[in-house]
Amino acid sequence: MTFKLGLTGSIGMGKSTTATLFQAEGCDVWDADACVHHLYAKGGAAVEQFRTTLPQAIENEHVSREKLKQLLTNDPSLFKVLEDIVHPLVAADRTRFIETATSDIVVLDIPLLFETGGNALMDAVVTVYVDASLQKQRVLERGTMTEQQLDQILARQMPIQDKLAQSDYKIHTDTLEHARQQVKDILRTIRKTQ
């Protein structure tokens, strides 16, 4: 039986890097953000629904993340519309992935795992974390959002302390080597109990 390990953390905490570390250790990894990118691409399953519901987010036959980000900044009530379109499509893709995975442990990289109740579908949850100042530095160095947009995202996410309190495992992503060792330790523990 495949062990489902949910991987979460707030924006800028090192989740994507940690997912890569799990993959390097032989885990199949499903990435919710990559799934959404696919759904938003030309021909993606979300495009027609956006065309009907939020047509101003469509540009060149795909959902423009930039336009969507601006719409959400201007009208936060649109988050509900966005979630109603995207969450069912993401859940269906995740189910297909789990059914076809071949590794003993699958890692499901889901930023809003707790917020969407997805933790109930996991065998265990691991949360990545760093202190708030390093988190902010990492996000703003990407150059893809303003401090206001970061604050808006953080306001919609469960506080990291709450995520850590509900997690089976924690990974402090202060350095790559430290994160890699913690990934190995977690996998060793899970594989001992299977």
N, C-alpha and C. Protein backbone atom coordinates (compact mmCIF):
# COMPACT_ATOMS: atom_id res chain seq x y z
N MET A 1 0.84 -1.19 0.00
CA MET A 1 0.00 0.00 0.00
C MET A 1 0.88 1.25 0.00
N THR A 2 0.48 2.23 -0.77
CA THR A 2 1.24 3.47 -0.87
C THR A 2 0.96 4.37 0.33
N PHE A 3 2.03 4.88 0.92
CA PHE A 3 1.93 5.80 2.06
C PHE A 3 1.81 7.22 1.51
N LYS A 4 0.78 7.96 1.94
CA LYS A 4 0.56 9.32 1.46
C LYS A 4 1.09 10.32 2.51
N LEU A 5 2.15 11.01 2.12
CA LEU A 5 2.76 12.01 3.00
C LEU A 5 2.45 13.40 2.47
N GLY A 6 1.66 14.16 3.20
CA GLY A 6 1.35 15.53 2.82
C GLY A 6 2.51 16.44 3.19
N LEU A 7 2.89 17.29 2.26
CA LEU A 7 3.98 18.25 2.48
C LEU A 7 3.38 19.65 2.37
N THR A 8 3.55 20.44 3.43
CA THR A 8 2.99 21.79 3.41
C THR A 8 3.92 22.76 4.13
N GLY A 9 3.48 23.98 4.18
CA GLY A 9 4.24 25.07 4.78
C GLY A 9 3.75 26.35 4.15
N SER A 10 4.06 27.46 4.72
CA SER A 10 3.62 28.73 4.16
C SER A 10 4.54 29.14 3.02
N ILE A 11 4.11 30.15 2.27
CA ILE A 11 4.89 30.64 1.14
C ILE A 11 6.30 31.03 1.58
N GLY A 12 7.29 30.66 0.77
CA GLY A 12 8.67 31.03 1.04
C GLY A 12 9.37 30.21 2.11
N MET A 13 8.76 29.11 2.52
CA MET A 13 9.34 28.30 3.60
C MET A 13 10.26 27.18 3.08
N GLY A 14 10.31 26.97 1.77
CA GLY A 14 11.21 25.95 1.24
C GLY A 14 10.53 24.65 0.86
N LYS A 15 9.24 24.71 0.62
CA LYS A 15 8.47 23.50 0.31
C LYS A 15 8.90 22.85 -1.00
N SER A 16 9.07 23.66 -2.04
CA SER A 16 9.46 23.10 -3.35
C SER A 16 10.83 22.44 -3.29
N THR A 17 11.76 23.09 -2.62
CA THR A 17 13.10 22.51 -2.47
C THR A 17 13.03 21.21 -1.69
N THR A 18 12.22 21.18 -0.65
CA THR A 18 12.07 19.97 0.17
C THR A 18 11.42 18.85 -0.65
N ALA A 19 10.45 19.19 -1.49
CA ALA A 19 9.82 18.19 -2.36
C ALA A 19 10.86 17.55 -3.27
N THR A 20 11.79 18.35 -3.78
CA THR A 20 12.86 17.83 -4.63
C THR A 20 13.75 16.87 -3.84
N LEU A 21 13.98 17.17 -2.58
CA LEU A 21 14.79 16.28 -1.73
C LEU A 21 14.09 14.94 -1.52
N PHE A 22 12.77 14.97 -1.33
CA PHE A 22 12.02 13.71 -1.20
C PHE A 22 12.09 12.92 -2.51
N GLN A 23 11.99 13.62 -3.61
CA GLN A 23 12.06 12.95 -4.92
C GLN A 23 13.42 12.28 -5.11
N ALA A 24 14.48 12.95 -4.69
CA ALA A 24 15.83 12.41 -4.80
C ALA A 24 16.00 11.13 -3.96
N GLU A 25 15.14 10.97 -2.96
CA GLU A 25 15.19 9.78 -2.10
C GLU A 25 14.22 8.69 -2.58
N GLY A 26 13.69 8.84 -3.79
CA GLY A 26 12.87 7.78 -4.38
C GLY A 26 11.37 7.91 -4.23
N CYS A 27 10.89 9.06 -3.74
CA CYS A 27 9.45 9.26 -3.59
C CYS A 27 8.87 9.87 -4.86
N ASP A 28 7.68 9.41 -5.25
CA ASP A 28 6.93 10.10 -6.30
C ASP A 28 6.34 11.35 -5.65
N VAL A 29 6.45 12.48 -6.34
CA VAL A 29 5.99 13.75 -5.78
C VAL A 29 4.95 14.38 -6.70
N TRP A 30 3.82 14.76 -6.10
CA TRP A 30 2.77 15.50 -6.81
C TRP A 30 2.80 16.92 -6.29
N ASP A 31 2.79 17.89 -7.18
CA ASP A 31 2.92 19.30 -6.84
C ASP A 31 1.63 20.04 -7.19
N ALA A 32 0.92 20.52 -6.19
CA ALA A 32 -0.35 21.23 -6.41
C ALA A 32 -0.15 22.47 -7.27
N ASP A 33 0.94 23.21 -7.04
CA ASP A 33 1.18 24.42 -7.83
C ASP A 33 1.42 24.08 -9.31
N ALA A 34 2.18 23.03 -9.58
CA ALA A 34 2.42 22.61 -10.96
C ALA A 34 1.11 22.17 -11.61
N CYS A 35 0.27 21.51 -10.84
CA CYS A 35 -1.05 21.10 -11.34
C CYS A 35 -1.86 22.32 -11.75
N VAL A 36 -1.86 23.36 -10.92
CA VAL A 36 -2.61 24.57 -11.23
C VAL A 36 -2.06 25.24 -12.50
N HIS A 37 -0.73 25.27 -12.64
CA HIS A 37 -0.13 25.83 -13.86
C HIS A 37 -0.66 25.10 -15.09
N HIS A 38 -0.74 23.79 -15.01
CA HIS A 38 -1.25 22.97 -16.12
C HIS A 38 -2.72 23.28 -16.40
N LEU A 39 -3.50 23.44 -15.34
CA LEU A 39 -4.92 23.75 -15.49
C LEU A 39 -5.14 25.12 -16.14
N TYR A 40 -4.22 26.07 -15.86
CA TYR A 40 -4.33 27.43 -16.39
C TYR A 40 -3.79 27.57 -17.81
N ALA A 41 -3.00 26.61 -18.26
CA ALA A 41 -2.36 26.70 -19.58
C ALA A 41 -3.39 26.59 -20.70
N LYS A 42 -2.99 26.99 -21.88
CA LYS A 42 -3.87 26.89 -23.06
C LYS A 42 -4.36 25.45 -23.18
N GLY A 43 -5.66 25.29 -23.26
CA GLY A 43 -6.25 23.96 -23.32
C GLY A 43 -6.45 23.30 -21.97
N GLY A 44 -6.01 23.96 -20.90
CA GLY A 44 -6.15 23.41 -19.55
C GLY A 44 -7.60 23.36 -19.11
N ALA A 45 -7.88 22.46 -18.19
CA ALA A 45 -9.26 22.20 -17.77
C ALA A 45 -9.94 23.40 -17.10
N ALA A 46 -9.17 24.35 -16.58
CA ALA A 46 -9.78 25.50 -15.89
C ALA A 46 -10.11 26.65 -16.83
N VAL A 47 -9.52 26.67 -18.01
CA VAL A 47 -9.63 27.85 -18.88
C VAL A 47 -11.07 28.18 -19.24
N GLU A 48 -11.85 27.19 -19.67
CA GLU A 48 -13.23 27.47 -20.07
C GLU A 48 -14.08 27.93 -18.89
N GLN A 49 -13.82 27.36 -17.70
CA GLN A 49 -14.58 27.80 -16.52
C GLN A 49 -14.26 29.25 -16.17
N PHE A 50 -12.98 29.63 -16.32
CA PHE A 50 -12.62 31.02 -16.08
C PHE A 50 -13.23 31.93 -17.14
N ARG A 51 -13.26 31.45 -18.38
CA ARG A 51 -13.83 32.25 -19.47
C ARG A 51 -15.29 32.62 -19.16
N THR A 52 -16.00 31.69 -18.51
CA THR A 52 -17.40 31.92 -18.15
C THR A 52 -17.53 32.78 -16.89
N THR A 53 -16.68 32.52 -15.90
CA THR A 53 -16.85 33.14 -14.59
C THR A 53 -16.01 34.39 -14.37
N LEU A 54 -14.75 34.35 -14.81
CA LEU A 54 -13.83 35.49 -14.65
C LEU A 54 -13.11 35.74 -15.97
N PRO A 55 -13.82 36.16 -17.00
CA PRO A 55 -13.22 36.30 -18.32
C PRO A 55 -12.06 37.29 -18.37
N GLN A 56 -12.06 38.25 -17.46
CA GLN A 56 -10.97 39.23 -17.46
C GLN A 56 -9.62 38.61 -17.06
N ALA A 57 -9.62 37.38 -16.57
CA ALA A 57 -8.38 36.69 -16.23
C ALA A 57 -7.78 35.93 -17.42
N ILE A 58 -8.51 35.85 -18.51
CA ILE A 58 -8.06 35.11 -19.69
C ILE A 58 -7.24 36.01 -20.60
N GLU A 59 -6.12 35.49 -21.05
CA GLU A 59 -5.24 36.22 -21.97
C GLU A 59 -4.59 35.20 -22.90
N ASN A 60 -4.72 35.38 -24.20
CA ASN A 60 -4.12 34.47 -25.18
C ASN A 60 -4.48 33.01 -24.91
N GLU A 61 -5.75 32.77 -24.60
CA GLU A 61 -6.28 31.41 -24.43
C GLU A 61 -5.76 30.68 -23.18
N HIS A 62 -5.20 31.39 -22.23
CA HIS A 62 -4.82 30.78 -20.96
C HIS A 62 -5.22 31.72 -19.82
N VAL A 63 -5.22 31.19 -18.60
CA VAL A 63 -5.49 32.02 -17.44
C VAL A 63 -4.19 32.73 -17.08
N SER A 64 -4.23 34.05 -17.11
CA SER A 64 -3.05 34.85 -16.78
C SER A 64 -2.92 34.96 -15.27
N ARG A 65 -1.84 34.42 -14.74
CA ARG A 65 -1.62 34.50 -13.30
C ARG A 65 -1.45 35.96 -12.86
N GLU A 66 -0.82 36.77 -13.71
CA GLU A 66 -0.64 38.19 -13.38
C GLU A 66 -1.98 38.90 -13.28
N LYS A 67 -2.84 38.69 -14.29
CA LYS A 67 -4.16 39.33 -14.27
C LYS A 67 -4.97 38.82 -13.08
N LEU A 68 -4.87 37.52 -12.81
CA LEU A 68 -5.60 36.93 -11.70
C LEU A 68 -5.12 37.51 -10.37
N LYS A 69 -3.80 37.64 -10.23
CA LYS A 69 -3.22 38.21 -9.00
C LYS A 69 -3.75 39.63 -8.78
N GLN A 70 -3.82 40.43 -9.86
CA GLN A 70 -4.31 41.80 -9.76
C GLN A 70 -5.80 41.83 -9.39
N LEU A 71 -6.58 40.96 -10.02
CA LEU A 71 -8.01 40.87 -9.71
C LEU A 71 -8.24 40.54 -8.24
N LEU A 72 -7.45 39.58 -7.73
CA LEU A 72 -7.60 39.15 -6.33
C LEU A 72 -7.14 40.24 -5.36
N THR A 73 -6.11 40.98 -5.76
CA THR A 73 -5.64 42.09 -4.92
C THR A 73 -6.73 43.15 -4.82
N ASN A 74 -7.38 43.43 -5.94
CA ASN A 74 -8.42 44.46 -5.98
C ASN A 74 -9.73 44.01 -5.34
N ASP A 75 -10.02 42.71 -5.40
CA ASP A 75 -11.29 42.19 -4.88
C ASP A 75 -11.09 40.81 -4.25
N PRO A 76 -10.70 40.78 -2.97
CA PRO A 76 -10.44 39.51 -2.30
C PRO A 76 -11.62 38.54 -2.27
N SER A 77 -12.84 39.03 -2.50
CA SER A 77 -14.00 38.13 -2.52
C SER A 77 -13.91 37.14 -3.69
N LEU A 78 -13.09 37.45 -4.68
CA LEU A 78 -12.93 36.56 -5.84
C LEU A 78 -12.16 35.28 -5.49
N PHE A 79 -11.52 35.24 -4.32
CA PHE A 79 -10.84 34.01 -3.91
C PHE A 79 -11.82 32.83 -3.87
N LYS A 80 -13.03 33.08 -3.42
CA LYS A 80 -14.04 32.02 -3.34
C LYS A 80 -14.38 31.51 -4.73
N VAL A 81 -14.53 32.39 -5.69
CA VAL A 81 -14.81 32.00 -7.08
C VAL A 81 -13.65 31.15 -7.61
N LEU A 82 -12.44 31.62 -7.36
CA LEU A 82 -11.24 30.90 -7.79
C LEU A 82 -11.20 29.50 -7.19
N GLU A 83 -11.43 29.40 -5.89
CA GLU A 83 -11.39 28.10 -5.21
C GLU A 83 -12.46 27.15 -5.73
N ASP A 84 -13.65 27.67 -6.02
CA ASP A 84 -14.73 26.82 -6.52
C ASP A 84 -14.39 26.23 -7.89
N ILE A 85 -13.61 26.94 -8.67
CA ILE A 85 -13.18 26.42 -9.98
C ILE A 85 -12.03 25.44 -9.82
N VAL A 86 -11.02 25.85 -9.08
CA VAL A 86 -9.74 25.14 -9.08
C VAL A 86 -9.71 23.92 -8.17
N HIS A 87 -10.25 24.01 -6.96
CA HIS A 87 -10.09 22.92 -5.99
C HIS A 87 -10.62 21.56 -6.49
N PRO A 88 -11.80 21.49 -7.11
CA PRO A 88 -12.25 20.17 -7.60
C PRO A 88 -11.34 19.60 -8.70
N LEU A 89 -10.84 20.47 -9.57
CA LEU A 89 -9.94 20.01 -10.64
C LEU A 89 -8.62 19.50 -10.07
N VAL A 90 -8.11 20.19 -9.08
CA VAL A 90 -6.86 19.78 -8.43
C VAL A 90 -7.06 18.45 -7.70
N ALA A 91 -8.17 18.30 -7.00
CA ALA A 91 -8.45 17.06 -6.26
C ALA A 91 -8.51 15.86 -7.21
N ALA A 92 -9.14 16.04 -8.36
CA ALA A 92 -9.23 14.94 -9.34
C ALA A 92 -7.85 14.56 -9.87
N ASP A 93 -7.01 15.56 -10.14
CA ASP A 93 -5.66 15.29 -10.63
C ASP A 93 -4.83 14.56 -9.57
N ARG A 94 -4.97 14.98 -8.32
CA ARG A 94 -4.24 14.35 -7.21
C ARG A 94 -4.65 12.88 -7.07
N THR A 95 -5.93 12.59 -7.18
CA THR A 95 -6.42 11.21 -7.09
C THR A 95 -5.83 10.35 -8.20
N ARG A 96 -5.82 10.88 -9.42
CA ARG A 96 -5.23 10.13 -10.55
C ARG A 96 -3.75 9.84 -10.29
N PHE A 97 -3.03 10.82 -9.74
CA PHE A 97 -1.61 10.64 -9.45
C PHE A 97 -1.39 9.51 -8.44
N ILE A 98 -2.14 9.53 -7.35
CA ILE A 98 -1.99 8.52 -6.31
C ILE A 98 -2.26 7.12 -6.87
N GLU A 99 -3.28 7.02 -7.70
CA GLU A 99 -3.65 5.72 -8.28
C GLU A 99 -2.59 5.16 -9.21
N THR A 100 -1.76 6.02 -9.80
CA THR A 100 -0.75 5.54 -10.76
C THR A 100 0.68 5.59 -10.21
N ALA A 101 0.87 6.09 -9.00
CA ALA A 101 2.21 6.19 -8.42
C ALA A 101 2.79 4.80 -8.17
N THR A 102 4.10 4.70 -8.27
CA THR A 102 4.76 3.40 -8.09
C THR A 102 5.68 3.34 -6.87
N SER A 103 5.97 4.46 -6.23
CA SER A 103 6.85 4.43 -5.06
C SER A 103 6.08 4.04 -3.81
N ASP A 104 6.81 3.56 -2.79
CA ASP A 104 6.17 3.15 -1.55
C ASP A 104 5.62 4.33 -0.76
N ILE A 105 6.23 5.51 -0.94
CA ILE A 105 5.79 6.73 -0.28
C ILE A 105 5.57 7.79 -1.37
N VAL A 106 4.36 8.34 -1.42
CA VAL A 106 4.12 9.47 -2.32
C VAL A 106 4.04 10.74 -1.49
N VAL A 107 4.66 11.78 -2.00
CA VAL A 107 4.66 13.07 -1.32
C VAL A 107 3.73 13.99 -2.10
N LEU A 108 2.77 14.55 -1.38
CA LEU A 108 1.77 15.43 -1.99
C LEU A 108 2.04 16.85 -1.49
N ASP A 109 2.66 17.64 -2.36
CA ASP A 109 3.09 19.00 -2.05
C ASP A 109 1.89 19.93 -2.22
N ILE A 110 1.28 20.32 -1.09
CA ILE A 110 0.03 21.09 -1.12
C ILE A 110 0.16 22.29 -0.16
N PRO A 111 0.30 23.50 -0.72
CA PRO A 111 0.46 24.67 0.15
C PRO A 111 -0.69 24.86 1.13
N LEU A 112 -1.92 24.65 0.70
CA LEU A 112 -3.10 24.88 1.56
C LEU A 112 -3.67 23.56 2.09
N LEU A 113 -2.80 22.66 2.46
CA LEU A 113 -3.23 21.33 2.91
C LEU A 113 -4.20 21.40 4.08
N PHE A 114 -3.83 22.11 5.12
CA PHE A 114 -4.70 22.21 6.30
C PHE A 114 -5.93 23.08 6.00
N GLU A 115 -5.71 24.16 5.26
CA GLU A 115 -6.79 25.10 4.99
C GLU A 115 -7.93 24.45 4.19
N THR A 116 -7.59 23.47 3.36
CA THR A 116 -8.61 22.80 2.53
C THR A 116 -9.08 21.47 3.12
N GLY A 117 -8.54 21.09 4.29
CA GLY A 117 -8.93 19.83 4.91
C GLY A 117 -8.26 18.62 4.29
N GLY A 118 -7.28 18.85 3.41
CA GLY A 118 -6.58 17.75 2.75
C GLY A 118 -5.76 16.89 3.68
N ASN A 119 -5.43 17.41 4.84
CA ASN A 119 -4.65 16.63 5.81
C ASN A 119 -5.39 15.35 6.23
N ALA A 120 -6.72 15.38 6.17
CA ALA A 120 -7.51 14.20 6.55
C ALA A 120 -7.32 13.04 5.58
N LEU A 121 -6.84 13.34 4.38
CA LEU A 121 -6.62 12.30 3.36
C LEU A 121 -5.21 11.71 3.40
N MET A 122 -4.37 12.23 4.28
CA MET A 122 -2.96 11.82 4.34
C MET A 122 -2.73 10.80 5.46
N ASP A 123 -1.69 9.98 5.25
CA ASP A 123 -1.26 9.07 6.31
C ASP A 123 -0.42 9.81 7.34
N ALA A 124 0.25 10.87 6.91
CA ALA A 124 1.05 11.73 7.79
C ALA A 124 1.27 13.05 7.07
N VAL A 125 1.60 14.08 7.86
CA VAL A 125 1.85 15.41 7.31
C VAL A 125 3.20 15.91 7.81
N VAL A 126 3.96 16.51 6.89
CA VAL A 126 5.22 17.17 7.24
C VAL A 126 5.09 18.64 6.85
N THR A 127 5.48 19.51 7.76
CA THR A 127 5.45 20.95 7.51
C THR A 127 6.86 21.50 7.52
N VAL A 128 7.17 22.30 6.50
CA VAL A 128 8.48 22.97 6.44
C VAL A 128 8.33 24.36 7.04
N TYR A 129 9.42 24.87 7.62
CA TYR A 129 9.33 26.19 8.24
C TYR A 129 10.69 26.86 8.33
N VAL A 130 10.64 28.18 8.38
CA VAL A 130 11.77 29.05 8.73
C VAL A 130 11.18 30.22 9.50
N ASP A 131 12.04 31.08 10.04
CA ASP A 131 11.51 32.23 10.76
C ASP A 131 10.93 33.25 9.77
N ALA A 132 10.08 34.12 10.27
CA ALA A 132 9.32 35.05 9.42
C ALA A 132 10.22 35.98 8.61
N SER A 133 11.34 36.41 9.16
CA SER A 133 12.21 37.35 8.42
C SER A 133 12.85 36.66 7.22
N LEU A 134 13.30 35.41 7.37
CA LEU A 134 13.88 34.68 6.24
C LEU A 134 12.80 34.36 5.21
N GLN A 135 11.61 34.03 5.67
CA GLN A 135 10.48 33.78 4.77
C GLN A 135 10.23 35.01 3.89
N LYS A 136 10.11 36.16 4.51
CA LYS A 136 9.82 37.40 3.78
C LYS A 136 10.95 37.70 2.79
N GLN A 137 12.18 37.53 3.24
CA GLN A 137 13.34 37.78 2.37
C GLN A 137 13.29 36.87 1.14
N ARG A 138 13.04 35.59 1.34
CA ARG A 138 12.99 34.64 0.23
C ARG A 138 11.91 35.03 -0.78
N VAL A 139 10.72 35.36 -0.29
CA VAL A 139 9.61 35.68 -1.19
C VAL A 139 9.89 36.96 -1.97
N LEU A 140 10.32 38.01 -1.30
CA LEU A 140 10.52 39.29 -1.97
C LEU A 140 11.71 39.24 -2.93
N GLU A 141 12.71 38.40 -2.65
CA GLU A 141 13.85 38.25 -3.55
C GLU A 141 13.46 37.62 -4.89
N ARG A 142 12.35 36.89 -4.91
CA ARG A 142 11.88 36.29 -6.17
C ARG A 142 11.48 37.37 -7.17
N GLY A 143 11.04 38.51 -6.66
CA GLY A 143 10.63 39.61 -7.52
C GLY A 143 9.30 39.39 -8.21
N THR A 144 8.47 38.47 -7.69
CA THR A 144 7.20 38.17 -8.34
C THR A 144 6.00 38.75 -7.62
N MET A 145 6.23 39.34 -6.44
CA MET A 145 5.11 39.94 -5.73
C MET A 145 5.58 41.06 -4.82
N THR A 146 4.64 41.90 -4.47
CA THR A 146 4.92 43.02 -3.58
C THR A 146 4.74 42.55 -2.13
N GLU A 147 5.17 43.40 -1.22
CA GLU A 147 4.98 43.09 0.20
C GLU A 147 3.49 43.02 0.53
N GLN A 148 2.68 43.88 -0.10
CA GLN A 148 1.23 43.86 0.11
C GLN A 148 0.62 42.52 -0.35
N GLN A 149 1.06 42.03 -1.50
CA GLN A 149 0.55 40.76 -2.01
C GLN A 149 0.98 39.60 -1.10
N LEU A 150 2.20 39.66 -0.58
CA LEU A 150 2.66 38.64 0.36
C LEU A 150 1.79 38.66 1.61
N ASP A 151 1.52 39.85 2.15
CA ASP A 151 0.68 39.96 3.35
C ASP A 151 -0.71 39.39 3.09
N GLN A 152 -1.23 39.64 1.89
CA GLN A 152 -2.56 39.13 1.54
C GLN A 152 -2.56 37.60 1.50
N ILE A 153 -1.51 37.01 0.94
CA ILE A 153 -1.41 35.55 0.90
C ILE A 153 -1.28 34.99 2.31
N LEU A 154 -0.42 35.59 3.11
CA LEU A 154 -0.23 35.10 4.49
C LEU A 154 -1.52 35.20 5.30
N ALA A 155 -2.32 36.21 5.03
CA ALA A 155 -3.59 36.38 5.76
C ALA A 155 -4.56 35.24 5.43
N ARG A 156 -4.42 34.62 4.27
CA ARG A 156 -5.31 33.52 3.85
C ARG A 156 -4.75 32.15 4.27
N GLN A 157 -3.52 32.13 4.74
CA GLN A 157 -2.92 30.86 5.15
C GLN A 157 -2.98 30.72 6.67
N MET A 158 -3.11 29.48 7.09
CA MET A 158 -3.07 29.19 8.53
C MET A 158 -1.69 29.60 9.06
N PRO A 159 -1.61 30.21 10.23
CA PRO A 159 -0.30 30.56 10.79
C PRO A 159 0.60 29.33 10.89
N ILE A 160 1.87 29.52 10.63
CA ILE A 160 2.81 28.40 10.58
C ILE A 160 2.85 27.64 11.91
N GLN A 161 2.71 28.33 13.03
CA GLN A 161 2.74 27.65 14.33
C GLN A 161 1.58 26.66 14.45
N ASP A 162 0.42 27.02 13.89
CA ASP A 162 -0.74 26.12 13.91
C ASP A 162 -0.49 24.90 13.02
N LYS A 163 0.13 25.14 11.85
CA LYS A 163 0.45 24.02 10.96
C LYS A 163 1.44 23.06 11.64
N LEU A 164 2.45 23.63 12.26
CA LEU A 164 3.45 22.80 12.94
C LEU A 164 2.82 21.98 14.06
N ALA A 165 1.90 22.59 14.79
CA ALA A 165 1.25 21.90 15.91
C ALA A 165 0.42 20.71 15.45
N GLN A 166 -0.09 20.75 14.22
CA GLN A 166 -0.93 19.68 13.69
C GLN A 166 -0.16 18.66 12.86
N SER A 167 1.14 18.86 12.70
CA SER A 167 1.94 18.01 11.81
C SER A 167 2.55 16.83 12.54
N ASP A 168 2.75 15.74 11.79
CA ASP A 168 3.44 14.58 12.33
C ASP A 168 4.95 14.77 12.32
N TYR A 169 5.43 15.51 11.31
CA TYR A 169 6.86 15.77 11.14
C TYR A 169 7.07 17.24 10.81
N LYS A 170 8.26 17.74 11.16
CA LYS A 170 8.63 19.13 10.87
C LYS A 170 10.02 19.15 10.24
N ILE A 171 10.20 20.04 9.26
CA ILE A 171 11.51 20.19 8.64
C ILE A 171 11.88 21.66 8.67
N HIS A 172 12.96 21.96 9.39
CA HIS A 172 13.48 23.33 9.44
C HIS A 172 14.38 23.52 8.22
N THR A 173 13.99 24.40 7.33
CA THR A 173 14.70 24.57 6.05
C THR A 173 15.71 25.71 6.10
N ASP A 174 16.41 25.82 7.21
CA ASP A 174 17.41 26.88 7.34
C ASP A 174 18.58 26.69 6.38
N THR A 175 18.99 25.43 6.16
CA THR A 175 20.02 25.14 5.16
C THR A 175 19.60 23.91 4.36
N LEU A 176 20.15 23.78 3.18
CA LEU A 176 19.83 22.65 2.32
C LEU A 176 20.26 21.33 2.95
N GLU A 177 21.45 21.31 3.52
CA GLU A 177 21.95 20.07 4.12
C GLU A 177 21.12 19.65 5.32
N HIS A 178 20.73 20.62 6.13
CA HIS A 178 19.90 20.30 7.29
C HIS A 178 18.56 19.73 6.83
N ALA A 179 17.96 20.35 5.81
CA ALA A 179 16.69 19.86 5.28
C ALA A 179 16.85 18.44 4.71
N ARG A 180 17.94 18.20 3.97
CA ARG A 180 18.17 16.88 3.38
C ARG A 180 18.26 15.80 4.46
N GLN A 181 18.95 16.09 5.55
CA GLN A 181 19.09 15.11 6.63
C GLN A 181 17.74 14.82 7.29
N GLN A 182 16.94 15.85 7.47
CA GLN A 182 15.62 15.66 8.07
C GLN A 182 14.71 14.83 7.16
N VAL A 183 14.80 15.04 5.85
CA VAL A 183 14.03 14.24 4.89
C VAL A 183 14.42 12.77 5.03
N LYS A 184 15.71 12.50 5.07
CA LYS A 184 16.19 11.11 5.20
C LYS A 184 15.70 10.48 6.50
N ASP A 185 15.75 11.25 7.58
CA ASP A 185 15.30 10.73 8.88
C ASP A 185 13.81 10.39 8.87
N ILE A 186 13.02 11.26 8.28
CA ILE A 186 11.56 11.04 8.21
C ILE A 186 11.26 9.80 7.38
N LEU A 187 11.90 9.66 6.23
CA LEU A 187 11.65 8.50 5.38
C LEU A 187 12.07 7.20 6.07
N ARG A 188 13.17 7.25 6.79
CA ARG A 188 13.62 6.08 7.53
C ARG A 188 12.58 5.67 8.57
N THR A 189 12.04 6.67 9.29
CA THR A 189 11.02 6.40 10.31
C THR A 189 9.76 5.81 9.70
N ILE A 190 9.29 6.41 8.60
CA ILE A 190 8.07 5.90 7.95
C ILE A 190 8.28 4.48 7.44
N ARG A 191 9.40 4.23 6.81
CA ARG A 191 9.65 2.91 6.21
C ARG A 191 9.79 1.83 7.29
N LYS A 192 10.23 2.20 8.47
CA LYS A 192 10.33 1.23 9.57
C LYS A 192 8.95 0.78 10.03
N THR A 193 7.97 1.67 9.93
CA THR A 193 6.64 1.36 10.45
C THR A 193 5.71 0.74 9.39
N GLN A 194 6.14 0.70 8.15
CA GLN A 194 5.27 0.15 7.10
C GLN A 194 5.36 -1.35 7.05
